[in-house]
PDB file of N, CA and C in Angstrom:
ATOM      1  N   GLU A   1       0.857  -1.338   0.180  1.00  0.00           N
ATOM      2  CA  GLU A   1      -0.103  -0.142   0.129  1.00  0.00           C
ATOM      3  C   GLU A   1       0.867   1.328   0.082  1.00  0.00           C
ATOM      4  N   MET A   2       0.728   2.054  -1.059  1.00  0.00           N
ATOM      5  CA  MET A   2       1.514   3.389  -1.088  1.00  0.00           C
ATOM      6  C   MET A   2       0.981   4.314  -0.219  1.00  0.00           C
ATOM      7  N   ASP A   3       2.027   4.967   0.531  1.00  0.00           N
ATOM      8  CA  ASP A   3       1.511   6.153   1.431  1.00  0.00           C
ATOM      9  C   ASP A   3       1.576   7.138   0.759  1.00  0.00           C
ATOM     10  N   GLU A   4       0.598   7.814   0.083  1.00  0.00           N
ATOM     11  CA  GLU A   4       0.729   9.076  -0.660  1.00  0.00           C
ATOM     12  C   GLU A   4      -0.296   9.989   0.081  1.00  0.00           C
ATOM     13  N   HIS A   5       0.268  10.929   0.653  1.00  0.00           N
ATOM     14  CA  HIS A   5      -0.712  11.726   1.386  1.00  0.00           C
ATOM     15  C   HIS A   5      -1.291  12.775   0.401  1.00  0.00           C
ATOM     16  N   GLN A   6      -2.409  13.539   0.900  1.00  0.00           N
ATOM     17  CA  GLN A   6      -3.231  14.278   0.108  1.00  0.00           C
ATOM     18  C   GLN A   6      -2.332  15.457  -0.232  1.00  0.00           C
ATOM     19  N   ASN A   7      -2.450  15.683  -1.696  1.00  0.00           N
ATOM     20  CA  ASN A   7      -1.767  17.180  -1.592  1.00  0.00           C
ATOM     21  C   ASN A   7      -2.363  17.676  -2.998  1.00  0.00           C
ATOM     22  N   PRO A   8      -2.043  18.915  -3.378  1.00  0.00           N
ATOM     23  CA  PRO A   8      -2.553  19.716  -4.503  1.00  0.00           C
ATOM     24  C   PRO A   8      -2.576  19.040  -5.939  1.00  0.00           C
ATOM     25  N   TYR A   9      -1.707  17.896  -6.001  1.00  0.00           N
ATOM     26  CA  TYR A   9      -1.235  17.575  -7.157  1.00  0.00           C
ATOM     27  C   TYR A   9      -2.142  16.116  -7.508  1.00  0.00           C
ATOM     28  N   ASN A  10      -2.597  15.725  -6.338  1.00  0.00           N
ATOM     29  CA  ASN A  10      -3.248  14.219  -6.662  1.00  0.00           C
ATOM     30  C   ASN A  10      -4.600  14.342  -6.208  1.00  0.00           C
ATOM     31  N   THR A  11      -5.316  15.361  -5.602  1.00  0.00           N
ATOM     32  CA  THR A  11      -6.529  15.912  -5.225  1.00  0.00           C
ATOM     33  C   THR A  11      -7.322  16.694  -6.291  1.00  0.00           C
ATOM     34  N   LEU A  12      -8.535  16.229  -6.744  1.00  0.00           N
ATOM     35  CA  LEU A  12      -9.548  16.810  -7.562  1.00  0.00           C
ATOM     36  C   LEU A  12     -10.628  17.075  -6.747  1.00  0.00           C
ATOM     37  N   ASP A  13     -11.078  18.334  -6.597  1.00  0.00           N
ATOM     38  CA  ASP A  13     -12.297  18.763  -5.919  1.00  0.00           C
ATOM     39  C   ASP A  13     -13.450  19.052  -6.971  1.00  0.00           C
ATOM     40  N   LEU A  14     -14.571  18.206  -6.983  1.00  0.00           N
ATOM     41  CA  LEU A  14     -15.590  18.337  -7.934  1.00  0.00           C
ATOM     42  C   LEU A  14     -16.815  18.702  -7.079  1.00  0.00           C
ATOM     43  N   ARG A  15     -16.923  19.385  -5.955  1.00  0.00           N
ATOM     44  CA  ARG A  15     -18.046  19.826  -5.455  1.00  0.00           C
ATOM     45  C   ARG A  15     -18.682  20.825  -6.057  1.00  0.00           C
ATOM     46  N   GLY A  16     -19.974  20.806  -6.212  1.00  0.00           N
ATOM     47  CA  GLY A  16     -20.822  21.879  -6.962  1.00  0.00           C
ATOM     48  C   GLY A  16     -20.743  21.829  -8.515  1.00  0.00           C
ATOM     49  N   LYS A  17     -20.206  20.825  -9.024  1.00  0.00           N
ATOM     50  CA  LYS A  17     -20.071  20.348 -10.417  1.00  0.00           C
ATOM     51  C   LYS A  17     -21.371  19.625 -10.847  1.00  0.00           C
ATOM     52  N   ALA A  18     -21.766  19.752 -12.014  1.00  0.00           N
ATOM     53  CA  ALA A  18     -22.767  18.750 -12.568  1.00  0.00           C
ATOM     54  C   ALA A  18     -21.910  17.506 -12.875  1.00  0.00           C
ATOM     55  N   LEU A  19     -22.923  16.495 -12.776  1.00  0.00           N
ATOM     56  CA  LEU A  19     -22.096  14.964 -13.292  1.00  0.00           C
ATOM     57  C   LEU A  19     -21.353  15.156 -14.461  1.00  0.00           C
ATOM     58  N   ASP A  20     -22.171  15.206 -15.430  1.00  0.00           N
ATOM     59  CA  ASP A  20     -21.188  15.379 -16.869  1.00  0.00           C
ATOM     60  C   ASP A  20     -19.880  15.943 -16.639  1.00  0.00           C
ATOM     61  N   GLU A  21     -19.812  17.141 -16.235  1.00  0.00           N
ATOM     62  CA  GLU A  21     -18.892  18.089 -16.303  1.00  0.00           C
ATOM     63  C   GLU A  21     -17.801  17.294 -15.480  1.00  0.00           C
ATOM     64  N   ALA A  22     -18.145  16.757 -14.219  1.00  0.00           N
ATOM     65  CA  ALA A  22     -17.421  16.080 -13.346  1.00  0.00           C
ATOM     66  C   ALA A  22     -16.612  14.993 -13.845  1.00  0.00           C
ATOM     67  N   LEU A  23     -17.343  14.382 -14.645  1.00  0.00           N
ATOM     68  CA  LEU A  23     -16.703  13.065 -15.352  1.00  0.00           C
ATOM     69  C   LEU A  23     -15.541  13.443 -16.371  1.00  0.00           C
ATOM     70  N   ILE A  24     -15.753  14.607 -17.232  1.00  0.00           N
ATOM     71  CA  ILE A  24     -14.808  15.104 -17.849  1.00  0.00           C
ATOM     72  C   ILE A  24     -13.514  15.497 -17.135  1.00  0.00           C
ATOM     73  N   ASP A  25     -13.788  16.023 -16.215  1.00  0.00           N
ATOM     74  CA  ASP A  25     -12.408  16.498 -14.985  1.00  0.00           C
ATOM     75  C   ASP A  25     -12.104  15.274 -14.749  1.00  0.00           C
ATOM     76  N   ILE A  26     -12.656  14.530 -14.255  1.00  0.00           N
ATOM     77  CA  ILE A  26     -11.977  13.197 -13.965  1.00  0.00           C
ATOM     78  C   ILE A  26     -10.950  12.390 -14.772  1.00  0.00           C
ATOM     79  N   ASP A  27     -11.591  12.447 -15.980  1.00  0.00           N
ATOM     80  CA  ASP A  27     -10.813  11.720 -17.302  1.00  0.00           C
ATOM     81  C   ASP A  27      -9.426  12.421 -17.410  1.00  0.00           C
ATOM     82  N   ALA A  28      -9.810  13.791 -17.611  1.00  0.00           N
ATOM     83  CA  ALA A  28      -8.339  14.681 -17.735  1.00  0.00           C
ATOM     84  C   ALA A  28      -7.597  14.588 -16.495  1.00  0.00           C
ATOM     85  N   PHE A  29      -7.902  14.632 -15.418  1.00  0.00           N
ATOM     86  CA  PHE A  29      -6.975  14.652 -13.971  1.00  0.00           C
ATOM     87  C   PHE A  29      -6.359  13.180 -14.038  1.00  0.00           C
ATOM     88  N   ILE A  30      -7.083  12.005 -14.247  1.00  0.00           N
ATOM     89  CA  ILE A  30      -6.440  10.900 -14.092  1.00  0.00           C
ATOM     90  C   ILE A  30      -5.245  10.779 -15.351  1.00  0.00           C
ATOM     91  N   ASP A  31      -5.517  11.148 -16.328  1.00  0.00           N
ATOM     92  CA  ASP A  31      -4.339  11.106 -17.642  1.00  0.00           C
ATOM     93  C   ASP A  31      -3.515  11.883 -17.005  1.00  0.00           C
ATOM     94  N   ASN A  32      -3.834  13.010 -16.371  1.00  0.00           N
ATOM     95  CA  ASN A  32      -2.439  13.975 -15.728  1.00  0.00           C
ATOM     96  C   ASN A  32      -1.716  13.156 -14.882  1.00  0.00           C
ATOM     97  N   VAL A  33      -2.317  12.530 -13.994  1.00  0.00           N
ATOM     98  CA  VAL A  33      -1.635  12.194 -12.769  1.00  0.00           C
ATOM     99  C   VAL A  33      -1.017  10.878 -12.985  1.00  0.00           C
ATOM    100  N   THR A  34      -1.613  10.192 -14.419  1.00  0.00           N
ATOM    101  CA  THR A  34      -0.834   8.988 -14.800  1.00  0.00           C
ATOM    102  C   THR A  34       0.498   9.385 -15.214  1.00  0.00           C
ATOM    103  N   GLU A  35       0.442  10.322 -15.961  1.00  0.00           N
ATOM    104  CA  GLU A  35       1.800  10.946 -16.676  1.00  0.00           C
ATOM    105  C   GLU A  35       2.580  11.280 -15.552  1.00  0.00           C
ATOM    106  N   MET A  36       2.226  11.828 -14.479  1.00  0.00           N
ATOM    107  CA  MET A  36       3.026  12.223 -13.397  1.00  0.00           C
ATOM    108  C   MET A  36       3.774  11.184 -12.572  1.00  0.00           C
ATOM    109  N   GLY A  37       3.204   9.873 -12.875  1.00  0.00           N
ATOM    110  CA  GLY A  37       3.484   8.664 -12.070  1.00  0.00           C
ATOM    111  C   GLY A  37       3.031   8.668 -10.692  1.00  0.00           C
ATOM    112  N   LEU A  38       2.002   9.389 -10.655  1.00  0.00           N
ATOM    113  CA  LEU A  38       1.276   9.202  -9.089  1.00  0.00           C
ATOM    114  C   LEU A  38       0.604   7.935  -8.897  1.00  0.00           C
ATOM    115  N   GLY A  39       0.356   7.287  -7.714  1.00  0.00           N
ATOM    116  CA  GLY A  39      -0.287   5.870  -7.491  1.00  0.00           C
ATOM    117  C   GLY A  39      -1.645   6.034  -6.877  1.00  0.00           C
ATOM    118  N   VAL A  40      -1.774   7.111  -6.062  1.00  0.00           N
ATOM    119  CA  VAL A  40      -3.005   7.232  -5.603  1.00  0.00           C
ATOM    120  C   VAL A  40      -3.651   8.855  -5.712  1.00  0.00           C
ATOM    121  N   VAL A  41      -4.909   9.039  -5.881  1.00  0.00           N
ATOM    122  CA  VAL A  41      -5.497  10.127  -5.890  1.00  0.00           C
ATOM    123  C   VAL A  41      -6.726  10.151  -5.189  1.00  0.00           C
ATOM    124  N   TYR A  42      -6.954  11.523  -4.780  1.00  0.00           N
ATOM    125  CA  TYR A  42      -8.337  11.888  -3.881  1.00  0.00           C
ATOM    126  C   TYR A  42      -9.281  12.769  -4.855  1.00  0.00           C
ATOM    127  N   ILE A  43     -10.342  12.172  -4.910  1.00  0.00           N
ATOM    128  CA  ILE A  43     -11.584  12.776  -5.385  1.00  0.00           C
ATOM    129  C   ILE A  43     -12.592  13.202  -4.328  1.00  0.00           C
ATOM    130  N   ILE A  44     -12.566  14.745  -4.452  1.00  0.00           N
ATOM    131  CA  ILE A  44     -13.635  15.266  -3.362  1.00  0.00           C
ATOM    132  C   ILE A  44     -15.011  15.560  -4.241  1.00  0.00           C
ATOM    133  N   HIS A  45     -16.028  14.732  -3.728  1.00  0.00           N
ATOM    134  CA  HIS A  45     -17.278  15.078  -4.441  1.00  0.00           C
ATOM    135  C   HIS A  45     -18.376  15.697  -3.469  1.00  0.00           C
ATOM    136  N   GLY A  46     -17.980  15.519  -2.107  1.00  0.00           N
ATOM    137  CA  GLY A  46     -18.895  16.085  -1.094  1.00  0.00           C
ATOM    138  C   GLY A  46     -20.037  14.969  -0.823  1.00  0.00           C
ATOM    139  N   HIS A  47     -20.956  15.195   0.166  1.00  0.00           N
ATOM    140  CA  HIS A  47     -21.972  14.209   0.359  1.00  0.00           C
ATOM    141  C   HIS A  47     -22.967  14.412  -0.281  1.00  0.00           C
ATOM    142  N   GLY A  48     -23.626  15.941  -0.386  1.00  0.00           N
ATOM    143  CA  GLY A  48     -24.938  16.030  -1.270  1.00  0.00           C
ATOM    144  C   GLY A  48     -25.966  15.149  -1.269  1.00  0.00           C
ATOM    145  N   THR A  49     -26.362  15.030  -2.518  1.00  0.00           N
ATOM    146  CA  THR A  49     -27.542  13.982  -2.633  1.00  0.00           C
ATOM    147  C   THR A  49     -27.023  12.571  -2.977  1.00  0.00           C
ATOM    148  N   GLY A  50     -25.768  12.418  -3.209  1.00  0.00           N
ATOM    149  CA  GLY A  50     -25.230  11.193  -3.505  1.00  0.00           C
ATOM    150  C   GLY A  50     -25.076  11.025  -5.229  1.00  0.00           C
ATOM    151  N   VAL A  51     -25.780  11.966  -5.931  1.00  0.00           N
ATOM    152  CA  VAL A  51     -25.526  11.668  -7.429  1.00  0.00           C
ATOM    153  C   VAL A  51     -24.233  11.714  -7.822  1.00  0.00           C
ATOM    154  N   LEU A  52     -23.565  12.875  -7.118  1.00  0.00           N
ATOM    155  CA  LEU A  52     -21.934  12.996  -7.926  1.00  0.00           C
ATOM    156  C   LEU A  52     -21.307  11.828  -7.247  1.00  0.00           C
ATOM    157  N   LYS A  53     -21.548  11.509  -6.004  1.00  0.00           N
ATOM    158  CA  LYS A  53     -20.757  10.319  -5.387  1.00  0.00           C
ATOM    159  C   LYS A  53     -20.880   8.925  -6.200  1.00  0.00           C
ATOM    160  N   ASN A  54     -21.899   8.803  -6.429  1.00  0.00           N
ATOM    161  CA  ASN A  54     -22.431   7.723  -6.950  1.00  0.00           C
ATOM    162  C   ASN A  54     -21.989   7.526  -8.587  1.00  0.00           C
ATOM    163  N   GLY A  55     -22.228   8.689  -9.123  1.00  0.00           N
ATOM    164  CA  GLY A  55     -21.848   8.719 -10.578  1.00  0.00           C
ATOM    165  C   GLY A  55     -20.125   8.584 -10.790  1.00  0.00           C
ATOM    166  N   VAL A  56     -19.633   9.385  -9.899  1.00  0.00           N
ATOM    167  CA  VAL A  56     -17.942   9.271  -9.698  1.00  0.00           C
ATOM    168  C   VAL A  56     -17.486   7.815  -9.609  1.00  0.00           C
ATOM    169  N   ARG A  57     -18.103   6.946  -8.455  1.00  0.00           N
ATOM    170  CA  ARG A  57     -17.742   5.685  -8.387  1.00  0.00           C
ATOM    171  C   ARG A  57     -18.037   4.664  -9.385  1.00  0.00           C
ATOM    172  N   ARG A  58     -19.187   4.877 -10.015  1.00  0.00           N
ATOM    173  CA  ARG A  58     -19.543   4.161 -10.997  1.00  0.00           C
ATOM    174  C   ARG A  58     -18.377   4.307 -12.343  1.00  0.00           C
ATOM    175  N   HIS A  59     -17.945   5.750 -12.647  1.00  0.00           N
ATOM    176  CA  HIS A  59     -17.199   5.887 -13.503  1.00  0.00           C
ATOM    177  C   HIS A  59     -15.907   5.360 -13.336  1.00  0.00           C
ATOM    178  N   LEU A  60     -15.476   5.166 -12.140  1.00  0.00           N
ATOM    179  CA  LEU A  60     -14.237   4.732 -11.732  1.00  0.00           C
ATOM    180  C   LEU A  60     -13.977   3.459 -12.061  1.00  0.00           C
ATOM    181  N   ARG A  61     -15.115   2.811 -11.851  1.00  0.00           N
ATOM    182  CA  ARG A  61     -14.995   1.070 -12.165  1.00  0.00           C
ATOM    183  C   ARG A  61     -14.578   0.854 -13.540  1.00  0.00           C
ATOM    184  N   HIS A  62     -14.985   1.903 -14.454  1.00  0.00           N
ATOM    185  CA  HIS A  62     -14.937   1.341 -15.841  1.00  0.00           C
ATOM    186  C   HIS A  62     -13.568   2.075 -16.450  1.00  0.00           C
ATOM    187  N   LEU A  63     -12.829   2.822 -15.434  1.00  0.00           N
ATOM    188  CA  LEU A  63     -11.373   3.379 -16.050  1.00  0.00           C
ATOM    189  C   LEU A  63     -10.434   2.539 -16.037  1.00  0.00           C
ATOM    190  N   LYS A  64      -9.740   1.958 -16.850  1.00  0.00           N
ATOM    191  CA  LYS A  64      -8.492   1.261 -17.234  1.00  0.00           C
ATOM    192  C   LYS A  64      -7.530   1.493 -16.233  1.00  0.00           C
ATOM    193  N   ALA A  65      -7.247   2.937 -15.915  1.00  0.00           N
ATOM    194  CA  ALA A  65      -6.113   3.332 -15.254  1.00  0.00           C
ATOM    195  C   ALA A  65      -6.398   2.838 -13.881  1.00  0.00           C
ATOM    196  N   VAL A  66      -7.446   2.581 -13.426  1.00  0.00           N
ATOM    197  CA  VAL A  66      -7.840   2.633 -11.864  1.00  0.00           C
ATOM    198  C   VAL A  66      -7.784   1.024 -11.422  1.00  0.00           C
ATOM    199  N   ALA A  67      -6.925   0.897 -10.439  1.00  0.00           N
ATOM    200  CA  ALA A  67      -6.909  -0.636  -9.972  1.00  0.00           C
ATOM    201  C   ALA A  67      -7.999  -0.634  -9.005  1.00  0.00           C
ATOM    202  N   SER A  68      -8.255   0.217  -7.989  1.00  0.00           N
ATOM    203  CA  SER A  68      -9.173   0.041  -6.935  1.00  0.00           C
ATOM    204  C   SER A  68      -9.571   1.411  -6.475  1.00  0.00           C
ATOM    205  N   PHE A  69     -10.604   1.406  -5.599  1.00  0.00           N
ATOM    206  CA  PHE A  69     -10.980   2.666  -5.048  1.00  0.00           C
ATOM    207  C   PHE A  69     -11.942   2.289  -3.703  1.00  0.00           C
ATOM    208  N   ARG A  70     -11.665   3.115  -2.727  1.00  0.00           N
ATOM    209  CA  ARG A  70     -12.520   3.119  -1.460  1.00  0.00           C
ATOM    210  C   ARG A  70     -12.979   4.516  -0.956  1.00  0.00           C
ATOM    211  N   PRO A  71     -13.928   4.543  -0.158  1.00  0.00           N
ATOM    212  CA  PRO A  71     -14.139   5.793   0.519  1.00  0.00           C
ATOM    213  C   PRO A  71     -13.353   6.322   1.197  1.00  0.00           C
ATOM    214  N   GLY A  72     -13.053   7.453   1.506  1.00  0.00           N
ATOM    215  CA  GLY A  72     -12.090   8.330   2.119  1.00  0.00           C
ATOM    216  C   GLY A  72     -12.317   7.807   3.589  1.00  0.00           C
ATOM    217  N   GLY A  73     -11.049   7.937   4.317  1.00  0.00           N
ATOM    218  CA  GLY A  73     -10.985   7.567   5.688  1.00  0.00           C
ATOM    219  C   GLY A  73     -11.520   8.838   6.522  1.00  0.00           C
ATOM    220  N   LYS A  74     -11.457   8.425   7.980  1.00  0.00           N
ATOM    221  CA  LYS A  74     -12.024   9.614   8.853  1.00  0.00           C
ATOM    222  C   LYS A  74     -11.127  10.860   8.344  1.00  0.00           C
ATOM    223  N   ASN A  75      -9.851  10.952   8.473  1.00  0.00           N
ATOM    224  CA  ASN A  75      -8.907  12.049   8.098  1.00  0.00           C
ATOM    225  C   ASN A  75      -8.774  12.338   6.672  1.00  0.00           C
ATOM    226  N   GLU A  76      -9.485  11.838   5.683  1.00  0.00           N
ATOM    227  CA  GLU A  76      -9.449  11.991   4.217  1.00  0.00           C
ATOM    228  C   GLU A  76     -10.842  12.576   3.645  1.00  0.00           C
ATOM    229  N   GLY A  77     -11.851  13.213   4.823  1.00  0.00           N
ATOM    230  CA  GLY A  77     -12.954  13.487   4.308  1.00  0.00           C
ATOM    231  C   GLY A  77     -14.040  12.227   4.159  1.00  0.00           C
ATOM    232  N   GLY A  78     -13.970  11.223   4.729  1.00  0.00           N
ATOM    233  CA  GLY A  78     -14.988  10.350   4.884  1.00  0.00           C
ATOM    234  C   GLY A  78     -15.531  10.085   3.542  1.00  0.00           C
ATOM    235  N   ASP A  79     -16.978   9.849   3.595  1.00  0.00           N
ATOM    236  CA  ASP A  79     -17.735   9.469   2.190  1.00  0.00           C
ATOM    237  C   ASP A  79     -17.766  10.496   1.337  1.00  0.00           C
ATOM    238  N   GLY A  80     -17.468  11.660   1.738  1.00  0.00           N
ATOM    239  CA  GLY A  80     -17.500  12.798   0.911  1.00  0.00           C
ATOM    240  C   GLY A  80     -16.196  12.791  -0.122  1.00  0.00           C
ATOM    241  N   CYS A  81     -15.358  11.879  -0.066  1.00  0.00           N
ATOM    242  CA  CYS A  81     -14.322  11.854  -0.727  1.00  0.00           C
ATOM    243  C   CYS A  81     -13.975  10.447  -1.113  1.00  0.00           C
ATOM    244  N   THR A  82     -13.401   9.897  -2.561  1.00  0.00           N
ATOM    245  CA  THR A  82     -13.050   8.667  -2.714  1.00  0.00           C
ATOM    246  C   THR A  82     -11.532   8.619  -3.253  1.00  0.00           C
ATOM    247  N   VAL A  83     -10.917   7.637  -2.472  1.00  0.00           N
ATOM    248  CA  VAL A  83      -9.350   7.412  -2.757  1.00  0.00           C
ATOM    249  C   VAL A  83      -9.417   6.206  -3.796  1.00  0.00           C
ATOM    250  N   ALA A  84      -8.856   6.770  -4.916  1.00  0.00           N
ATOM    251  CA  ALA A  84      -8.593   5.765  -5.911  1.00  0.00           C
ATOM    252  C   ALA A  84      -7.161   5.503  -5.991  1.00  0.00           C
ATOM    253  N   THR A  85      -6.699   3.857  -6.088  1.00  0.00           N
ATOM    254  CA  THR A  85      -5.398   3.556  -6.549  1.00  0.00           C
ATOM    255  C   THR A  85      -5.068   3.215  -7.814  1.00  0.00           C
ATOM    256  N   LEU A  86      -4.013   3.745  -8.536  1.00  0.00           N
ATOM    257  CA  LEU A  86      -4.004   3.431  -9.943  1.00  0.00           C
ATOM    258  C   LEU A  86      -3.198   2.693 -10.084  1.00  0.00           C
ATOM    259  N   LYS A  87      -3.498   2.061 -11.421  1.00  0.00           N
ATOM    260  CA  LYS A  87      -2.442   0.569 -11.927  1.00  0.00           C
ATOM    261  C   LYS A  87      -0.969   1.242 -12.205  1.00  0.00           C
ATOM    262  N   GLU A  88      -0.015   0.590 -11.822  1.00  0.00           N
ATOM    263  CA  GLU A  88       1.148   0.864 -12.071  1.00  0.00           C
ATOM    264  C   GLU A  88       1.533   0.922 -13.883  1.00  0.00           C
ATOM    265  N   ARG A  89       2.289   1.849 -14.351  1.00  0.00           N
ATOM    266  CA  ARG A  89       2.168   1.687 -15.899  1.00  0.00           C
ATOM    267  C   ARG A  89       3.445   0.803 -16.237  1.00  0.00           C
TER     268      ARG A  89
END
């Protein structure tokens, strides 16, 4: 398990975005961090109605670059954040 602490480079904040816009942002973000060789990313979607959270997690399941993901821990934003582990290139 890689110990990669949350920082501006590995964090995407989608709060307040529409789902379709958020998914475009995720694709660009994942492409970017994969280029940088980062192993773990933090996607902040907030709690809200669950539309963004559920849409984000559904999308991550289909991305080839994503090995696995989990809800954030207590100190990572809890269920308002999704932490994804990327596949090694």
